[in-house]
Amino acid sequence: MATTNPIQFIQQVRAEVAKVSWPTRREVMLTSVMVFIMAALMATFFSLVDLGIRTGLAAVLNAF
């Protein structure tokens, strides 16, 4: 591997960081809200599935 001195490394890092397309505050807020909504929906869904399985299993076990 070729070695570069620290000054060249920092220059290369700054050049790469300049190429990054940073999200706006609005985009970050919207995606964060969407993630929280999806997490809440998935938690609700899996809670209902768990409740259904638990109720069904309890019914089957109580039948015996």
Protein backbone atom coordinates (compact mmCIF):
# COMPACT_ATOMS: atom_id res chain seq x y z
CA MET A 1 0.00 0.00 0.00
CA ALA A 2 1.15 3.47 -0.78
CA THR A 3 1.59 5.72 2.21
CA THR A 4 0.58 9.37 2.20
CA ASN A 5 1.62 12.02 4.58
CA PRO A 6 -0.95 13.40 7.02
CA ILE A 7 -1.42 16.65 5.11
CA GLN A 8 -2.32 14.81 1.88
CA PHE A 9 -4.62 12.53 3.82
CA ILE A 10 -6.51 15.48 5.32
CA GLN A 11 -6.77 17.11 1.89
CA GLN A 12 -8.21 13.89 0.43
CA VAL A 13 -10.67 13.56 3.29
CA ARG A 14 -11.86 17.15 2.84
CA ALA A 15 -12.26 16.56 -0.92
CA GLU A 16 -14.38 13.45 -0.29
CA VAL A 17 -16.51 15.15 2.38
CA ALA A 18 -17.20 17.98 -0.08
CA LYS A 19 -18.73 15.40 -2.47
CA VAL A 20 -21.24 14.18 0.11
CA SER A 21 -24.84 15.20 -0.44
CA TRP A 22 -25.96 16.14 3.08
CA PRO A 23 -29.71 15.97 3.85
CA THR A 24 -31.60 19.08 4.82
CA ARG A 25 -33.11 19.54 8.27
CA ARG A 26 -36.58 18.94 6.77
CA GLU A 27 -35.50 15.65 5.15
CA VAL A 28 -33.99 14.44 8.41
CA MET A 29 -37.14 15.33 10.35
CA LEU A 30 -39.44 13.63 7.80
CA THR A 31 -37.44 10.43 7.67
CA SER A 32 -37.16 10.36 11.47
CA VAL A 33 -40.93 10.73 11.84
CA MET A 34 -41.50 8.00 9.24
CA VAL A 35 -39.16 5.65 11.13
CA PHE A 36 -40.99 6.27 14.44
CA ILE A 37 -44.40 5.74 12.78
CA MET A 38 -43.27 2.48 11.15
CA ALA A 39 -41.76 1.28 14.44
CA ALA A 40 -45.05 1.99 16.23
CA LEU A 41 -47.05 0.21 13.53
CA MET A 42 -44.78 -2.83 13.60
CA ALA A 43 -44.87 -2.95 17.41
CA THR A 44 -48.69 -2.85 17.31
CA PHE A 45 -48.83 -5.55 14.62
CA PHE A 46 -46.50 -7.92 16.45
CA SER A 47 -48.28 -7.30 19.76
CA LEU A 48 -51.58 -8.29 18.16
CA VAL A 49 -50.02 -11.38 16.55
CA ASP A 50 -48.50 -12.34 19.91
CA LEU A 51 -51.84 -11.84 21.65
CA GLY A 52 -53.57 -14.02 19.04
CA ILE A 53 -51.02 -16.81 19.33
CA ARG A 54 -51.08 -16.66 23.14
CA THR A 55 -54.91 -16.79 23.21
CA GLY A 56 -55.01 -19.66 20.71
CA LEU A 57 -52.37 -21.63 22.57
CA ALA A 58 -54.12 -21.08 25.91
CA ALA A 59 -57.40 -22.32 24.38
CA VAL A 60 -55.71 -25.43 23.02
CA LEU A 61 -53.95 -26.16 26.32
CA ASN A 62 -57.12 -25.58 28.36
CA ALA A 63 -58.99 -28.03 26.12
CA PHE A 64 -56.80 -30.83 27.46
